[in-house]
Amino acid sequence: QEHLVESGGGSVQPGGSLRLTCTATTFFFMNNAVSWYRQAPGKERDWVATITPSNTEYADSVKGRFAISRDDAKNVVTLQMNNLKPEDTAMYLCHVGSLGYWGRGTQVTVSS
């Protein structure tokens, strides 16, 4: 059973933007911290950003370009990605650490 479903990935040119969405399907985000991770082929899974009800944090590599937000009424967490670079190419996954839930991911490809 999928607890988290990601969407919004795609292929863009460098400098482009994408908006990823993570939807909880079997529970409510409520006070849980929700994170985005990414994993490129042959590389380790890297943390990208986390949002709690009161705070946001970002990896240095995406700070100033990505913005994470949440709408608890809609049970959705969004990752707005601007000024994308080829090194942002990866599978992006949503994670709720307190429950041990991972989504299956959505692919982001940045190339000219």
C-alpha atoms as a PDB file:
ATOM      1  CA  GLN A   1       0.000   0.000   0.000  1.00  0.00           C
ATOM      2  CA  GLU A   2       1.341   3.380  -0.986  1.00  0.00           C
ATOM      3  CA  HIS A   3       1.290   5.826   1.879  1.00  0.00           C
ATOM      4  CA  LEU A   4       2.987   8.625  -0.072  1.00  0.00           C
ATOM      5  CA  VAL A   5       2.573   9.444  -3.754  1.00  0.00           C
ATOM      6  CA  GLU A   6       4.880  11.848  -5.571  1.00  0.00           C
ATOM      7  CA  SER A   7       4.116  13.620  -8.835  1.00  0.00           C
ATOM      8  CA  GLY A   8       5.288  16.511 -10.952  1.00  0.00           C
ATOM      9  CA  GLY A   9       8.597  15.244 -12.251  1.00  0.00           C
ATOM     10  CA  GLY A  10       9.694  15.614 -15.838  1.00  0.00           C
ATOM     11  CA  SER A  11      12.402  16.799 -18.193  1.00  0.00           C
ATOM     12  CA  VAL A  12      13.479  20.423 -18.304  1.00  0.00           C
ATOM     13  CA  GLN A  13      16.344  22.482 -19.613  1.00  0.00           C
ATOM     14  CA  PRO A  14      18.892  24.062 -17.279  1.00  0.00           C
ATOM     15  CA  GLY A  15      17.394  27.130 -15.671  1.00  0.00           C
ATOM     16  CA  GLY A  16      13.900  25.697 -15.822  1.00  0.00           C
ATOM     17  CA  SER A  17      11.446  24.983 -13.027  1.00  0.00           C
ATOM     18  CA  LEU A  18       9.405  22.078 -11.761  1.00  0.00           C
ATOM     19  CA  ARG A  19       6.915  21.689  -8.961  1.00  0.00           C
ATOM     20  CA  LEU A  20       6.840  18.358  -7.177  1.00  0.00           C
ATOM     21  CA  THR A  21       3.945  17.232  -5.034  1.00  0.00           C
ATOM     22  CA  CYS A  22       3.810  14.635  -2.271  1.00  0.00           C
ATOM     23  CA  THR A  23       0.363  13.454  -1.249  1.00  0.00           C
ATOM     24  CA  ALA A  24      -0.350  11.327   1.810  1.00  0.00           C
ATOM     25  CA  THR A  25      -2.950   8.732   0.927  1.00  0.00           C
ATOM     26  CA  THR A  26      -3.440   6.698   4.106  1.00  0.00           C
ATOM     27  CA  PHE A  27      -2.779   9.174   6.929  1.00  0.00           C
ATOM     28  CA  PHE A  28      -2.675  12.889   7.693  1.00  0.00           C
ATOM     29  CA  PHE A  29       0.566  14.847   7.705  1.00  0.00           C
ATOM     30  CA  MET A  30      -0.592  16.938  10.668  1.00  0.00           C
ATOM     31  CA  ASN A  31       2.461  17.638  12.890  1.00  0.00           C
ATOM     32  CA  ASN A  32       4.825  15.257  11.134  1.00  0.00           C
ATOM     33  CA  ALA A  33       8.019  16.469   9.551  1.00  0.00           C
ATOM     34  CA  VAL A  34       8.029  15.738   5.824  1.00  0.00           C
ATOM     35  CA  SER A  35      11.205  15.557   3.780  1.00  0.00           C
ATOM     36  CA  TRP A  36      12.317  15.320   0.200  1.00  0.00           C
ATOM     37  CA  TYR A  37      15.306  13.206  -0.766  1.00  0.00           C
ATOM     38  CA  ARG A  38      16.854  12.515  -4.150  1.00  0.00           C
ATOM     39  CA  GLN A  39      18.884   9.719  -5.600  1.00  0.00           C
ATOM     40  CA  ALA A  40      20.813   9.752  -8.856  1.00  0.00           C
ATOM     41  CA  PRO A  41      21.797   6.498 -10.577  1.00  0.00           C
ATOM     42  CA  GLY A  42      24.786   4.916  -8.873  1.00  0.00           C
ATOM     43  CA  LYS A  43      24.780   7.453  -6.045  1.00  0.00           C
ATOM     44  CA  GLU A  44      23.573   7.531  -2.469  1.00  0.00           C
ATOM     45  CA  ARG A  45      20.237   8.975  -1.483  1.00  0.00           C
ATOM     46  CA  ASP A  46      20.715  12.608  -0.443  1.00  0.00           C
ATOM     47  CA  TRP A  47      18.526  14.766   1.748  1.00  0.00           C
ATOM     48  CA  VAL A  48      17.092  17.824  -0.027  1.00  0.00           C
ATOM     49  CA  ALA A  49      14.662  19.606   2.295  1.00  0.00           C
ATOM     50  CA  THR A  50      12.437  19.170   5.352  1.00  0.00           C
ATOM     51  CA  ILE A  51       9.345  20.966   6.541  1.00  0.00           C
ATOM     52  CA  THR A  52       7.740  20.869   9.973  1.00  0.00           C
ATOM     53  CA  PRO A  53       4.700  22.859  11.094  1.00  0.00           C
ATOM     54  CA  SER A  54       7.039  25.687  12.110  1.00  0.00           C
ATOM     55  CA  ASN A  55      10.286  25.366  10.173  1.00  0.00           C
ATOM     56  CA  THR A  56      11.960  24.580   6.859  1.00  0.00           C
ATOM     57  CA  GLU A  57      15.485  23.390   6.205  1.00  0.00           C
ATOM     58  CA  TYR A  58      17.427  22.908   2.991  1.00  0.00           C
ATOM     59  CA  ALA A  59      20.557  21.217   1.795  1.00  0.00           C
ATOM     60  CA  ASP A  60      23.223  23.730   0.828  1.00  0.00           C
ATOM     61  CA  SER A  61      23.105  22.522  -2.760  1.00  0.00           C
ATOM     62  CA  VAL A  62      19.494  23.665  -3.217  1.00  0.00           C
ATOM     63  CA  LYS A  63      19.268  26.615  -0.819  1.00  0.00           C
ATOM     64  CA  GLY A  64      17.911  29.685  -2.576  1.00  0.00           C
ATOM     65  CA  ARG A  65      16.598  27.655  -5.528  1.00  0.00           C
ATOM     66  CA  PHE A  66      14.130  25.207  -3.953  1.00  0.00           C
ATOM     67  CA  ALA A  67      11.198  25.955  -1.670  1.00  0.00           C
ATOM     68  CA  ILE A  68       9.267  23.404   0.359  1.00  0.00           C
ATOM     69  CA  SER A  69       5.733  24.112   1.545  1.00  0.00           C
ATOM     70  CA  ARG A  70       2.820  22.223   3.036  1.00  0.00           C
ATOM     71  CA  ASP A  71      -0.953  22.392   2.928  1.00  0.00           C
ATOM     72  CA  ASP A  72      -2.210  20.205   5.747  1.00  0.00           C
ATOM     73  CA  ALA A  73      -5.821  20.785   4.768  1.00  0.00           C
ATOM     74  CA  LYS A  74      -5.091  19.161   1.400  1.00  0.00           C
ATOM     75  CA  ASN A  75      -2.559  16.735   2.894  1.00  0.00           C
ATOM     76  CA  VAL A  76       0.046  17.823   0.376  1.00  0.00           C
ATOM     77  CA  VAL A  77       3.689  18.857   0.580  1.00  0.00           C
ATOM     78  CA  THR A  78       5.162  20.680  -2.395  1.00  0.00           C
ATOM     79  CA  LEU A  79       8.733  21.209  -3.561  1.00  0.00           C
ATOM     80  CA  GLN A  80       9.105  24.168  -5.919  1.00  0.00           C
ATOM     81  CA  MET A  81      12.354  23.839  -7.821  1.00  0.00           C
ATOM     82  CA  ASN A  82      13.714  26.833  -9.719  1.00  0.00           C
ATOM     83  CA  ASN A  83      16.902  27.463 -11.675  1.00  0.00           C
ATOM     84  CA  LEU A  84      17.389  23.752 -12.126  1.00  0.00           C
ATOM     85  CA  LYS A  85      20.844  22.442 -12.939  1.00  0.00           C
ATOM     86  CA  PRO A  86      21.953  19.185 -14.591  1.00  0.00           C
ATOM     87  CA  GLU A  87      23.246  18.015 -11.214  1.00  0.00           C
ATOM     88  CA  ASP A  88      19.678  18.154  -9.897  1.00  0.00           C
ATOM     89  CA  THR A  89      18.832  15.184 -12.111  1.00  0.00           C
ATOM     90  CA  ALA A  90      17.620  12.376  -9.854  1.00  0.00           C
ATOM     91  CA  MET A  91      14.660  10.432  -8.572  1.00  0.00           C
ATOM     92  CA  TYR A  92      12.960  12.592  -5.952  1.00  0.00           C
ATOM     93  CA  LEU A  93      11.318  10.825  -3.032  1.00  0.00           C
ATOM     94  CA  CYS A  94       9.041  11.971  -0.237  1.00  0.00           C
ATOM     95  CA  HIS A  95       9.686  10.723   3.306  1.00  0.00           C
ATOM     96  CA  VAL A  96       7.988  10.860   6.686  1.00  0.00           C
ATOM     97  CA  GLY A  97      10.667   9.715   9.082  1.00  0.00           C
ATOM     98  CA  SER A  98       8.497   9.346  12.167  1.00  0.00           C
ATOM     99  CA  LEU A  99       6.408   6.717  10.381  1.00  0.00           C
ATOM    100  CA  GLY A 100       9.122   5.223   8.211  1.00  0.00           C
ATOM    101  CA  TYR A 101       7.187   5.971   5.039  1.00  0.00           C
ATOM    102  CA  TRP A 102       8.781   6.496   1.619  1.00  0.00           C
ATOM    103  CA  GLY A 103       7.113   7.211  -1.658  1.00  0.00           C
ATOM    104  CA  ARG A 104       8.179   5.544  -4.895  1.00  0.00           C
ATOM    105  CA  GLY A 105       9.539   8.760  -6.305  1.00  0.00           C
ATOM    106  CA  THR A 106       9.205  10.981  -9.337  1.00  0.00           C
ATOM    107  CA  GLN A 107      11.990  11.421 -11.892  1.00  0.00           C
ATOM    108  CA  VAL A 108      13.510  14.821 -12.578  1.00  0.00           C
ATOM    109  CA  THR A 109      15.842  15.210 -15.552  1.00  0.00           C
ATOM    110  CA  VAL A 110      17.651  18.440 -16.316  1.00  0.00           C
ATOM    111  CA  SER A 111      19.519  18.554 -19.602  1.00  0.00           C
ATOM    112  CA  SER A 112      19.925  20.659 -22.688  1.00  0.00           C
END
